[in-house]
Protein backbone atom coordinates (compact mmCIF):
# COMPACT_ATOMS: atom_id res chain seq x y z
CA UNK A 1 0.00 0.00 0.00
CA UNK A 2 1.46 3.35 -1.01
CA UNK A 3 1.17 6.42 1.17
CA UNK A 4 0.31 9.93 0.09
CA UNK A 5 2.16 12.79 1.77
CA UNK A 6 1.51 16.48 2.26
CA UNK A 7 4.49 18.78 2.65
CA UNK A 8 4.94 22.09 4.46
CA UNK A 9 7.87 24.48 3.96
CA UNK A 10 8.47 27.14 6.62
CA UNK A 11 11.15 29.85 6.60
CA UNK A 12 12.40 30.89 10.05
CA UNK A 13 12.76 34.67 10.05
CA UNK A 14 16.21 36.13 10.66
CA UNK A 15 17.33 39.43 12.11
CA UNK A 16 19.08 42.23 10.23
CA UNK A 17 22.48 40.56 10.58
CA UNK A 18 21.20 37.20 9.33
CA UNK A 19 21.08 35.52 12.73
CA UNK A 20 18.08 33.88 14.30
CA UNK A 21 17.05 33.04 17.82
CA UNK A 22 17.00 29.40 18.81
CA UNK A 23 13.73 30.10 20.61
CA UNK A 24 12.13 31.04 17.26
CA UNK A 25 13.32 27.77 15.73
CA UNK A 26 12.04 25.77 18.72
CA UNK A 27 8.70 27.58 18.54
CA UNK A 28 8.23 26.66 14.86
CA UNK A 29 9.18 23.03 15.48
CA UNK A 30 6.81 22.71 18.45
CA UNK A 31 3.93 24.47 16.68
CA UNK A 32 4.01 22.24 13.62
CA UNK A 33 4.78 19.09 15.61
CA UNK A 34 1.59 19.63 17.63
CA UNK A 35 -0.29 19.75 14.33
CA UNK A 36 1.05 16.36 13.28
CA UNK A 37 3.87 17.52 11.00
CA UNK A 38 7.19 15.64 11.06
CA UNK A 39 10.42 17.53 10.34
CA UNK A 40 12.27 15.85 7.46
CA UNK A 41 14.92 18.43 6.50
CA UNK A 42 16.44 21.80 7.29
CA UNK A 43 17.96 23.86 4.48
CA UNK A 44 20.27 26.61 5.68
CA UNK A 45 22.53 29.25 4.15
CA UNK A 46 21.94 28.97 0.44
CA UNK A 47 23.29 31.83 -1.71
CA UNK A 48 19.84 33.44 -1.99
CA UNK A 49 18.29 32.54 1.39
CA UNK A 50 20.02 33.11 4.73
CA UNK A 51 17.08 31.94 6.87
CA UNK A 52 16.75 28.31 7.90
CA UNK A 53 14.00 26.65 5.88
CA UNK A 54 12.17 23.79 7.61
CA UNK A 55 10.61 21.02 5.55
CA UNK A 56 7.84 18.98 7.20
CA UNK A 57 5.64 16.13 6.00
CA UNK A 58 2.53 14.32 7.20
CA UNK A 59 0.30 11.69 5.74
CA UNK A 60 -2.41 13.11 3.49
C-alpha atoms as a PDB file:
ATOM      1  CA  UNK A   1       0.000   0.000   0.000  1.00  0.00           C
ATOM      2  CA  UNK A   2       1.459   3.346  -1.010  1.00  0.00           C
ATOM      3  CA  UNK A   3       1.169   6.425   1.165  1.00  0.00           C
ATOM      4  CA  UNK A   4       0.307   9.931   0.087  1.00  0.00           C
ATOM      5  CA  UNK A   5       2.160  12.794   1.771  1.00  0.00           C
ATOM      6  CA  UNK A   6       1.506  16.477   2.255  1.00  0.00           C
ATOM      7  CA  UNK A   7       4.492  18.784   2.653  1.00  0.00           C
ATOM      8  CA  UNK A   8       4.944  22.091   4.455  1.00  0.00           C
ATOM      9  CA  UNK A   9       7.872  24.482   3.956  1.00  0.00           C
ATOM     10  CA  UNK A  10       8.469  27.143   6.622  1.00  0.00           C
ATOM     11  CA  UNK A  11      11.148  29.850   6.603  1.00  0.00           C
ATOM     12  CA  UNK A  12      12.402  30.885  10.053  1.00  0.00           C
ATOM     13  CA  UNK A  13      12.757  34.668  10.052  1.00  0.00           C
ATOM     14  CA  UNK A  14      16.214  36.130  10.657  1.00  0.00           C
ATOM     15  CA  UNK A  15      17.333  39.429  12.106  1.00  0.00           C
ATOM     16  CA  UNK A  16      19.077  42.225  10.232  1.00  0.00           C
ATOM     17  CA  UNK A  17      22.481  40.556  10.575  1.00  0.00           C
ATOM     18  CA  UNK A  18      21.197  37.199   9.330  1.00  0.00           C
ATOM     19  CA  UNK A  19      21.079  35.517  12.729  1.00  0.00           C
ATOM     20  CA  UNK A  20      18.076  33.882  14.299  1.00  0.00           C
ATOM     21  CA  UNK A  21      17.049  33.039  17.816  1.00  0.00           C
ATOM     22  CA  UNK A  22      17.000  29.395  18.812  1.00  0.00           C
ATOM     23  CA  UNK A  23      13.729  30.096  20.610  1.00  0.00           C
ATOM     24  CA  UNK A  24      12.129  31.039  17.264  1.00  0.00           C
ATOM     25  CA  UNK A  25      13.318  27.772  15.731  1.00  0.00           C
ATOM     26  CA  UNK A  26      12.041  25.775  18.718  1.00  0.00           C
ATOM     27  CA  UNK A  27       8.702  27.575  18.544  1.00  0.00           C
ATOM     28  CA  UNK A  28       8.226  26.663  14.864  1.00  0.00           C
ATOM     29  CA  UNK A  29       9.184  23.025  15.478  1.00  0.00           C
ATOM     30  CA  UNK A  30       6.806  22.712  18.447  1.00  0.00           C
ATOM     31  CA  UNK A  31       3.927  24.473  16.676  1.00  0.00           C
ATOM     32  CA  UNK A  32       4.014  22.237  13.619  1.00  0.00           C
ATOM     33  CA  UNK A  33       4.779  19.087  15.610  1.00  0.00           C
ATOM     34  CA  UNK A  34       1.591  19.628  17.630  1.00  0.00           C
ATOM     35  CA  UNK A  35      -0.291  19.753  14.326  1.00  0.00           C
ATOM     36  CA  UNK A  36       1.051  16.356  13.276  1.00  0.00           C
ATOM     37  CA  UNK A  37       3.869  17.523  10.999  1.00  0.00           C
ATOM     38  CA  UNK A  38       7.187  15.645  11.065  1.00  0.00           C
ATOM     39  CA  UNK A  39      10.423  17.530  10.339  1.00  0.00           C
ATOM     40  CA  UNK A  40      12.273  15.852   7.460  1.00  0.00           C
ATOM     41  CA  UNK A  41      14.917  18.425   6.497  1.00  0.00           C
ATOM     42  CA  UNK A  42      16.438  21.804   7.292  1.00  0.00           C
ATOM     43  CA  UNK A  43      17.965  23.864   4.484  1.00  0.00           C
ATOM     44  CA  UNK A  44      20.271  26.615   5.679  1.00  0.00           C
ATOM     45  CA  UNK A  45      22.532  29.250   4.152  1.00  0.00           C
ATOM     46  CA  UNK A  46      21.941  28.972   0.436  1.00  0.00           C
ATOM     47  CA  UNK A  47      23.289  31.827  -1.713  1.00  0.00           C
ATOM     48  CA  UNK A  48      19.842  33.438  -1.989  1.00  0.00           C
ATOM     49  CA  UNK A  49      18.294  32.538   1.389  1.00  0.00           C
ATOM     50  CA  UNK A  50      20.017  33.108   4.728  1.00  0.00           C
ATOM     51  CA  UNK A  51      17.084  31.943   6.866  1.00  0.00           C
ATOM     52  CA  UNK A  52      16.751  28.306   7.896  1.00  0.00           C
ATOM     53  CA  UNK A  53      13.998  26.655   5.879  1.00  0.00           C
ATOM     54  CA  UNK A  54      12.175  23.792   7.607  1.00  0.00           C
ATOM     55  CA  UNK A  55      10.605  21.017   5.546  1.00  0.00           C
ATOM     56  CA  UNK A  56       7.837  18.983   7.199  1.00  0.00           C
ATOM     57  CA  UNK A  57       5.639  16.126   6.003  1.00  0.00           C
ATOM     58  CA  UNK A  58       2.530  14.318   7.199  1.00  0.00           C
ATOM     59  CA  UNK A  59       0.303  11.694   5.744  1.00  0.00           C
ATOM     60  CA  UNK A  60      -2.409  13.106   3.490  1.00  0.00           C
END
